[in-house]
Amino acid sequence: MSFRRDRWFGNAELLLLWRRGDLPPPLVTTGPDDDPNTAGELGQPGTEVLFPSSSLHRDMSVGGRVTLGTWLDGRQYRSLVLRGWLAGEETASFNADQTTVPVITRPFFNVTDGITPTQDTQTIAFPARAEGSIGVRASSEVYGADVSVRQFMYGKYGATVDFLYGYQFMRLDENLHISSDSVSLDADVAPVGSTFAIDDNFDIENEFHGAQFGLASRYRERCWSFNALAKVAFGSLARRSTLTGSTFATNGPSESTAPEGLLVQDTNSGTFTDHTFGWIPEIDLSIGWQRWPCWEATFGYNIIAMTDAVRASGLIDPELAVNLADPITGQASPRLETRDSTFYLQGIHFGMQYVY
């Protein structure tokens, strides 16, 4: 490796990215205030899902990518290329209280031992029965890096094709947090004045390490250049999920705290880690315009995916089954059911490239 100026090349790019959305089951609902026993229940007339109203994390995020390379020989037949990129954090949130939404409920499928399984709700706010508020926040962050050796394979008519091999890293972190506070106004709900603060938290990490191989091509015509990259990585995907819940309740001078929420209870709380075989395919296309000596303005498209990724929706019992019996004598619900899917990220990029 030489530190001579004519051995180095690189570029810096602005990324405008869209990621595959995630759709958890209904978490917050509302409904008519004429029947407190069915208000907000899924399937009831007038029930409206407040959150999520659509897939999460589908808005555009702004990120960046930096590429640095060096020629390993004087004929420019072999190079070492390092890339690092981040997609920025994408968030979604929802907040409501009884002043903006008179009826606020959290739906679930009640499978308490001894009763017929049925749709049910936890009441957060209802006129003359309870007042309270709820907040939901979801976040998604993804970034990665790779290093590769590119070996010249073919060149003709201004076009070159390189074979590349090396190392790939990629990480996807997501979080879903639900918190609610409620005060009883009716003894049918709980002793008047009793307060409840309930939290559910789902924290997910997907981290990939593996080998990569692929092809990189380049074609130049006067001041224009066309670049293409197609590669795939394979290796170990470590998945770590942390589920925590808590309930803080007061009744007059007495207070109690339990390490359980609504969707996270003893049956599915804790930290769970596993490893699986995963793939990271990527395609990148770009066009460059050499307006100044050694400098090109670039524009292009990129898509990258991660197979077998765990997301927030994959950790929630699909039927929102919550067993409220104390102690639990029937089926243990909610259960930890880790469901994975393919995550992808795509978008356009603008940048400046230094070539020699």
Protein backbone atom coordinates (compact mmCIF):
# COMPACT_ATOMS: atom_id res chain seq x y z
CA MET A 1 0.00 0.00 0.00
CA SER A 2 1.33 3.39 -1.03
CA PHE A 3 0.43 6.82 0.32
CA ARG A 4 1.11 8.54 -2.98
CA ARG A 5 -1.70 10.82 -4.07
CA ASP A 6 -2.25 9.01 -7.38
CA ARG A 7 -2.97 5.72 -5.57
CA TRP A 8 -6.10 6.91 -3.72
CA PHE A 9 -9.71 7.54 -4.67
CA GLY A 10 -12.96 8.04 -2.75
CA ASN A 11 -16.31 9.75 -2.52
CA ALA A 12 -18.81 11.16 -0.04
CA GLU A 13 -22.54 10.86 -0.69
CA LEU A 14 -25.84 12.06 0.71
CA LEU A 15 -28.41 9.25 0.97
CA LEU A 16 -32.19 9.69 0.76
CA LEU A 17 -33.58 6.36 1.92
CA TRP A 18 -36.83 4.50 2.42
CA ARG A 19 -36.98 1.32 4.47
CA ARG A 20 -39.44 -1.53 4.56
CA GLY A 21 -42.25 -0.66 6.95
CA ASP A 22 -43.19 -2.60 10.05
CA LEU A 23 -46.84 -3.15 11.05
CA PRO A 24 -47.47 -4.21 14.66
CA PRO A 25 -51.00 -5.29 15.64
CA PRO A 26 -53.38 -2.58 16.94
CA LEU A 27 -51.92 -1.05 20.11
CA VAL A 28 -54.28 1.86 20.86
CA THR A 29 -57.98 2.07 19.98
CA THR A 30 -61.00 4.24 20.63
CA GLY A 31 -64.74 3.83 20.24
CA PRO A 32 -68.20 5.11 21.23
CA ASP A 33 -68.70 6.14 24.86
CA ASP A 34 -72.13 4.50 25.23
CA ASP A 35 -70.90 1.09 26.48
CA PRO A 36 -67.76 0.86 28.65
CA ASN A 37 -67.74 -2.93 28.37
CA THR A 38 -67.16 -3.00 24.58
CA ALA A 39 -65.64 0.41 23.82
CA GLY A 40 -62.49 0.05 21.75
CA GLU A 41 -62.77 -3.72 21.30
CA LEU A 42 -61.56 -4.94 17.92
CA GLY A 43 -64.47 -5.94 15.72
CA GLN A 44 -67.02 -3.77 17.53
CA PRO A 45 -69.00 -1.14 15.57
CA GLY A 46 -67.36 2.26 15.88
CA THR A 47 -63.96 0.96 17.02
CA GLU A 48 -61.10 2.91 15.48
CA VAL A 49 -57.42 2.00 15.60
CA LEU A 50 -55.45 5.06 16.72
CA PHE A 51 -52.00 3.49 16.55
CA PRO A 52 -50.58 2.21 14.35
CA SER A 53 -52.81 3.59 11.61
CA SER A 54 -50.40 2.30 8.93
CA SER A 55 -46.97 0.69 8.62
CA LEU A 56 -44.23 2.30 10.69
CA HIS A 57 -40.85 3.62 9.45
CA ARG A 58 -41.86 4.18 5.82
CA ASP A 59 -40.98 7.87 5.65
CA MET A 60 -37.80 9.10 4.01
CA SER A 61 -34.70 9.32 6.18
CA VAL A 62 -31.46 11.16 5.43
CA GLY A 63 -28.15 9.36 5.75
CA GLY A 64 -24.66 9.34 4.34
CA ARG A 65 -21.98 7.11 2.87
CA VAL A 66 -18.22 7.46 2.62
CA THR A 67 -16.01 5.36 0.34
CA LEU A 68 -12.21 5.27 0.44
CA GLY A 69 -10.03 3.17 -1.84
CA THR A 70 -6.40 2.66 -2.79
CA TRP A 71 -4.74 0.93 -5.72
CA LEU A 72 -2.55 -1.97 -4.64
CA ASP A 73 -0.49 -2.04 -7.83
CA GLY A 74 0.83 0.45 -10.35
CA ARG A 75 -1.30 -0.90 -13.23
CA GLN A 76 -4.56 -0.29 -11.33
CA TYR A 77 -5.58 -3.93 -11.58
CA ARG A 78 -6.21 -4.48 -7.86
CA SER A 79 -7.65 -2.12 -5.24
CA LEU A 80 -8.72 -2.12 -1.61
CA VAL A 81 -12.06 -0.37 -0.97
CA LEU A 82 -13.61 0.55 2.39
CA ARG A 83 -17.18 1.83 2.75
CA GLY A 84 -19.18 3.05 5.74
CA TRP A 85 -22.79 4.21 5.72
CA LEU A 86 -25.72 5.05 7.95
CA ALA A 87 -29.39 5.56 7.19
CA GLY A 88 -30.28 7.84 10.06
CA GLU A 89 -32.94 7.18 12.69
CA GLU A 90 -36.58 6.89 11.66
CA THR A 91 -39.16 7.43 14.42
CA ALA A 92 -42.93 7.29 14.83
CA SER A 93 -44.88 8.47 17.85
CA PHE A 94 -48.42 8.88 19.14
CA ASN A 95 -49.76 10.69 22.20
CA ALA A 96 -53.32 11.20 23.44
CA ASP A 97 -55.22 11.98 26.64
CA GLN A 98 -58.86 12.31 27.65
CA THR A 99 -58.98 15.96 26.57
CA THR A 100 -58.25 15.08 22.94
CA VAL A 101 -59.71 11.55 22.78
CA PRO A 102 -62.46 10.85 25.38
CA VAL A 103 -62.18 7.06 25.01
CA ILE A 104 -58.70 5.51 24.99
CA THR A 105 -58.23 1.75 25.21
CA ARG A 106 -55.55 -0.87 24.64
CA PRO A 107 -56.94 -3.96 22.90
CA PHE A 108 -55.96 -7.56 23.55
CA PHE A 109 -57.31 -11.07 23.12
CA ASN A 110 -58.29 -12.34 26.57
CA VAL A 111 -57.57 -16.05 27.11
CA THR A 112 -57.86 -16.03 30.88
CA ASP A 113 -58.39 -19.55 32.19
CA GLY A 114 -62.06 -20.37 32.78
CA ILE A 115 -63.62 -17.96 30.26
CA THR A 116 -64.36 -18.12 26.56
CA PRO A 117 -61.49 -16.43 24.67
CA THR A 118 -62.74 -13.05 23.51
CA GLN A 119 -61.64 -9.59 22.44
CA ASP A 120 -61.08 -7.30 25.41
CA THR A 121 -59.51 -3.96 26.30
CA GLN A 122 -57.66 -2.19 29.05
CA THR A 123 -59.32 1.17 29.68
CA ILE A 124 -57.05 4.20 29.84
CA ALA A 125 -59.72 6.91 29.59
CA PHE A 126 -63.53 6.82 29.52
CA PRO A 127 -65.97 9.59 30.49
CA ALA A 128 -66.92 9.41 34.18
CA ARG A 129 -64.98 6.15 34.63
CA ALA A 130 -61.28 6.92 34.11
CA GLU A 131 -59.04 9.65 32.85
CA GLY A 132 -55.54 9.20 31.57
CA SER A 133 -53.03 9.44 28.76
CA ILE A 134 -50.99 7.15 26.55
CA GLY A 135 -47.77 7.54 24.59
CA VAL A 136 -46.20 5.27 21.99
CA ARG A 137 -42.78 5.71 20.41
CA ALA A 138 -41.14 3.49 17.80
CA SER A 139 -37.65 3.92 16.38
CA SER A 140 -35.52 2.25 13.71
CA GLU A 141 -31.81 2.75 13.02
CA VAL A 142 -29.64 0.93 10.49
CA TYR A 143 -26.00 1.28 9.46
CA GLY A 144 -23.19 -0.80 8.01
CA ALA A 145 -19.67 -1.04 6.61
CA ASP A 146 -17.63 -3.31 4.38
CA VAL A 147 -14.10 -3.78 3.11
CA SER A 148 -13.27 -5.53 -0.15
CA VAL A 149 -10.43 -6.35 -2.50
CA ARG A 150 -11.37 -5.66 -6.11
CA GLN A 151 -9.49 -7.65 -8.77
CA PHE A 152 -9.60 -6.67 -12.45
CA MET A 153 -11.28 -9.35 -14.59
CA TYR A 154 -12.13 -7.80 -17.95
CA GLY A 155 -11.67 -4.55 -19.82
CA LYS A 156 -12.64 -3.42 -23.30
CA TYR A 157 -14.07 -0.37 -25.10
CA GLY A 158 -13.74 1.83 -22.03
CA ALA A 159 -15.47 -0.65 -19.70
CA THR A 160 -13.96 -2.64 -16.86
CA VAL A 161 -15.33 -5.46 -14.69
CA ASP A 162 -13.82 -6.32 -11.30
CA PHE A 163 -14.41 -9.30 -9.06
CA LEU A 164 -14.62 -8.35 -5.38
CA TYR A 165 -14.40 -10.27 -2.13
CA GLY A 166 -14.14 -9.21 1.50
CA TYR A 167 -15.99 -8.58 4.76
CA GLN A 168 -19.49 -7.15 5.42
CA PHE A 169 -21.06 -5.68 8.58
CA MET A 170 -24.65 -4.47 9.01
CA ARG A 171 -26.77 -3.65 12.05
CA LEU A 172 -30.48 -2.94 12.49
CA ASP A 173 -31.72 -1.63 15.87
CA GLU A 174 -35.42 -1.08 16.59
CA ASN A 175 -37.45 -0.17 19.65
CA LEU A 176 -41.14 0.03 20.56
CA HIS A 177 -42.20 1.67 23.85
CA ILE A 178 -45.79 1.98 25.11
CA SER A 179 -46.60 3.86 28.32
CA SER A 180 -49.93 4.83 29.86
CA ASP A 181 -51.18 6.57 33.01
CA SER A 182 -54.73 6.31 34.29
CA VAL A 183 -56.79 7.46 37.29
CA SER A 184 -59.99 5.69 38.33
CA LEU A 185 -63.14 7.83 38.59
CA ASP A 186 -65.54 4.95 39.23
CA ALA A 187 -65.43 2.17 41.80
CA ASP A 188 -66.46 -0.30 39.08
CA VAL A 189 -63.04 0.21 37.50
CA ALA A 190 -60.93 0.40 40.67
CA PRO A 191 -61.18 2.30 43.97
CA VAL A 192 -61.81 5.95 43.15
CA GLY A 193 -58.52 7.85 42.98
CA SER A 194 -56.39 4.78 42.26
CA THR A 195 -53.67 5.40 39.70
CA PHE A 196 -51.94 3.05 37.29
CA ALA A 197 -48.76 3.61 35.25
CA ILE A 198 -48.09 0.78 32.81
CA ASP A 199 -45.09 0.37 30.50
CA ASP A 200 -44.20 -2.16 27.78
CA ASN A 201 -40.84 -2.02 26.02
CA PHE A 202 -39.53 -4.06 23.09
CA ASP A 203 -35.85 -3.56 22.19
CA ILE A 204 -34.35 -5.41 19.20
CA GLU A 205 -30.81 -5.71 17.81
CA ASN A 206 -29.88 -7.51 14.56
CA GLU A 207 -26.13 -7.64 13.87
CA PHE A 208 -24.59 -9.30 10.81
CA HIS A 209 -20.96 -10.30 10.22
CA GLY A 210 -19.95 -12.26 7.15
CA ALA A 211 -18.04 -12.67 3.91
CA GLN A 212 -19.02 -10.96 0.68
CA PHE A 213 -18.34 -11.41 -3.02
CA GLY A 214 -19.64 -9.80 -6.19
CA LEU A 215 -18.91 -7.76 -9.30
CA ALA A 216 -18.16 -4.08 -9.82
CA SER A 217 -18.14 -2.52 -13.28
CA ARG A 218 -17.33 0.89 -14.72
CA TYR A 219 -17.74 2.46 -18.14
CA ARG A 220 -16.40 5.86 -19.17
CA GLU A 221 -17.41 7.95 -22.18
CA ARG A 222 -15.66 11.34 -22.27
CA CYS A 223 -16.81 13.28 -19.19
CA TRP A 224 -19.47 10.69 -18.26
CA SER A 225 -19.05 7.50 -16.28
CA PHE A 226 -21.45 4.68 -15.41
CA ASN A 227 -20.87 2.47 -12.37
CA ALA A 228 -22.60 -0.71 -11.22
CA LEU A 229 -22.13 -2.88 -8.14
CA ALA A 230 -23.81 -6.22 -7.42
CA LYS A 231 -22.73 -8.26 -4.42
CA VAL A 232 -24.00 -10.59 -1.74
CA ALA A 233 -22.75 -11.33 1.76
CA PHE A 234 -23.41 -14.43 3.84
CA GLY A 235 -22.61 -15.17 7.45
CA SER A 236 -23.80 -15.00 11.05
CA LEU A 237 -26.78 -12.89 12.09
CA ALA A 238 -26.98 -12.34 15.87
CA ARG A 239 -30.46 -11.38 17.07
CA ARG A 240 -31.02 -9.98 20.56
CA SER A 241 -34.47 -9.12 21.93
CA THR A 242 -35.14 -7.50 25.31
CA LEU A 243 -38.73 -7.35 26.56
CA THR A 244 -39.53 -5.48 29.77
CA GLY A 245 -42.73 -4.37 31.44
CA SER A 246 -43.75 -2.58 34.61
CA THR A 247 -46.89 -1.53 36.46
CA PHE A 248 -46.89 1.09 39.21
CA ALA A 249 -50.18 1.36 41.10
CA THR A 250 -51.37 3.49 44.01
CA ASN A 251 -54.47 3.17 46.15
CA GLY A 252 -54.54 5.87 48.78
CA PRO A 253 -51.31 5.65 50.78
CA SER A 254 -50.41 2.19 49.48
CA GLU A 255 -48.15 1.71 46.48
CA SER A 256 -47.09 -1.35 44.52
CA THR A 257 -44.75 -2.07 41.64
CA ALA A 258 -44.79 -5.17 39.46
CA PRO A 259 -42.31 -6.13 36.70
CA GLU A 260 -45.17 -6.70 34.24
CA GLY A 261 -46.96 -4.54 31.71
CA LEU A 262 -49.88 -5.43 29.50
CA LEU A 263 -48.11 -7.05 26.54
CA VAL A 264 -44.95 -8.01 28.46
CA GLN A 265 -45.48 -10.25 31.47
CA ASP A 266 -43.62 -13.04 33.26
CA THR A 267 -44.38 -15.42 30.41
CA ASN A 268 -42.44 -13.46 27.78
CA SER A 269 -40.20 -10.95 29.56
CA GLY A 270 -36.42 -11.09 29.56
CA THR A 271 -33.50 -10.98 27.14
CA PHE A 272 -33.29 -13.55 24.38
CA THR A 273 -30.37 -14.06 22.00
CA ASP A 274 -29.92 -16.42 19.07
CA HIS A 275 -27.80 -16.77 15.94
CA THR A 276 -28.88 -17.73 12.46
CA PHE A 277 -27.45 -17.81 8.94
CA GLY A 278 -28.25 -14.64 7.03
CA TRP A 279 -27.76 -12.98 3.66
CA ILE A 280 -27.06 -9.34 2.72
CA PRO A 281 -27.58 -8.71 -1.01
CA GLU A 282 -26.89 -5.25 -2.46
CA ILE A 283 -27.20 -3.48 -5.83
CA ASP A 284 -25.87 0.01 -6.53
CA LEU A 285 -26.10 1.94 -9.81
CA SER A 286 -24.69 5.42 -10.41
CA ILE A 287 -23.78 7.91 -13.10
CA GLY A 288 -20.90 10.39 -12.81
CA TRP A 289 -20.15 13.69 -14.53
CA GLN A 290 -16.51 14.82 -14.48
CA ARG A 291 -16.85 18.59 -14.40
CA TRP A 292 -13.42 19.27 -12.85
CA PRO A 293 -10.10 17.43 -13.15
CA CYS A 294 -10.12 14.38 -10.85
CA TRP A 295 -13.60 15.24 -9.50
CA GLU A 296 -16.98 13.80 -10.47
CA ALA A 297 -20.50 14.66 -9.40
CA THR A 298 -22.49 11.44 -8.95
CA PHE A 299 -26.13 10.40 -8.79
CA GLY A 300 -27.46 6.88 -8.29
CA TYR A 301 -29.77 4.27 -6.78
CA ASN A 302 -29.04 1.70 -4.08
CA ILE A 303 -30.91 -1.19 -2.46
CA ILE A 304 -29.65 -3.45 0.34
CA ALA A 305 -31.47 -6.13 2.31
CA MET A 306 -31.05 -8.24 5.46
CA THR A 307 -32.75 -11.62 5.61
CA ASP A 308 -34.16 -13.18 8.82
CA ALA A 309 -34.29 -9.89 10.75
CA VAL A 310 -36.43 -9.61 13.89
CA ARG A 311 -38.55 -6.47 14.19
CA ALA A 312 -40.93 -5.11 16.83
CA SER A 313 -43.99 -6.67 15.22
CA GLY A 314 -42.29 -10.06 15.36
CA LEU A 315 -42.14 -10.05 19.15
CA ILE A 316 -45.80 -9.30 19.94
CA ASP A 317 -48.16 -12.22 20.30
CA PRO A 318 -50.14 -11.95 17.04
CA GLU A 319 -53.48 -12.29 18.85
CA LEU A 320 -52.43 -10.05 21.74
CA ALA A 321 -53.20 -12.92 24.08
CA VAL A 322 -52.89 -11.79 27.70
CA ASN A 323 -53.73 -14.14 30.56
CA LEU A 324 -54.89 -12.02 33.48
CA ALA A 325 -55.46 -14.88 35.93
CA ASP A 326 -53.41 -14.60 39.13
CA PRO A 327 -51.82 -17.03 39.53
CA ILE A 328 -51.88 -18.26 35.94
CA THR A 329 -53.64 -21.62 35.89
CA GLY A 330 -54.33 -22.00 32.16
CA GLN A 331 -52.20 -21.41 29.11
CA ALA A 332 -49.15 -19.21 29.52
CA SER A 333 -49.83 -16.04 27.55
CA PRO A 334 -48.48 -13.89 26.11
CA ARG A 335 -45.88 -16.23 24.65
CA LEU A 336 -42.53 -15.22 23.21
CA GLU A 337 -42.92 -15.88 19.49
CA THR A 338 -39.99 -14.55 17.51
CA ARG A 339 -41.00 -14.12 13.89
CA ASP A 340 -38.42 -12.86 11.40
CA SER A 341 -38.70 -11.29 7.96
CA THR A 342 -36.54 -9.72 5.25
CA PHE A 343 -35.70 -6.08 5.89
CA TYR A 344 -34.64 -3.86 3.01
CA LEU A 345 -33.52 -0.29 2.51
CA GLN A 346 -33.52 1.56 -0.79
CA GLY A 347 -33.05 5.07 -2.06
CA ILE A 348 -31.11 7.53 -4.15
CA HIS A 349 -27.74 9.15 -3.49
CA PHE A 350 -25.89 12.29 -4.53
CA GLY A 351 -22.19 12.81 -4.06
CA MET A 352 -18.75 13.99 -5.09
CA GLN A 353 -16.11 11.48 -6.15
CA TYR A 354 -12.36 11.92 -6.32
CA VAL A 355 -10.78 9.77 -9.01
CA TYR A 356 -7.22 9.51 -10.26
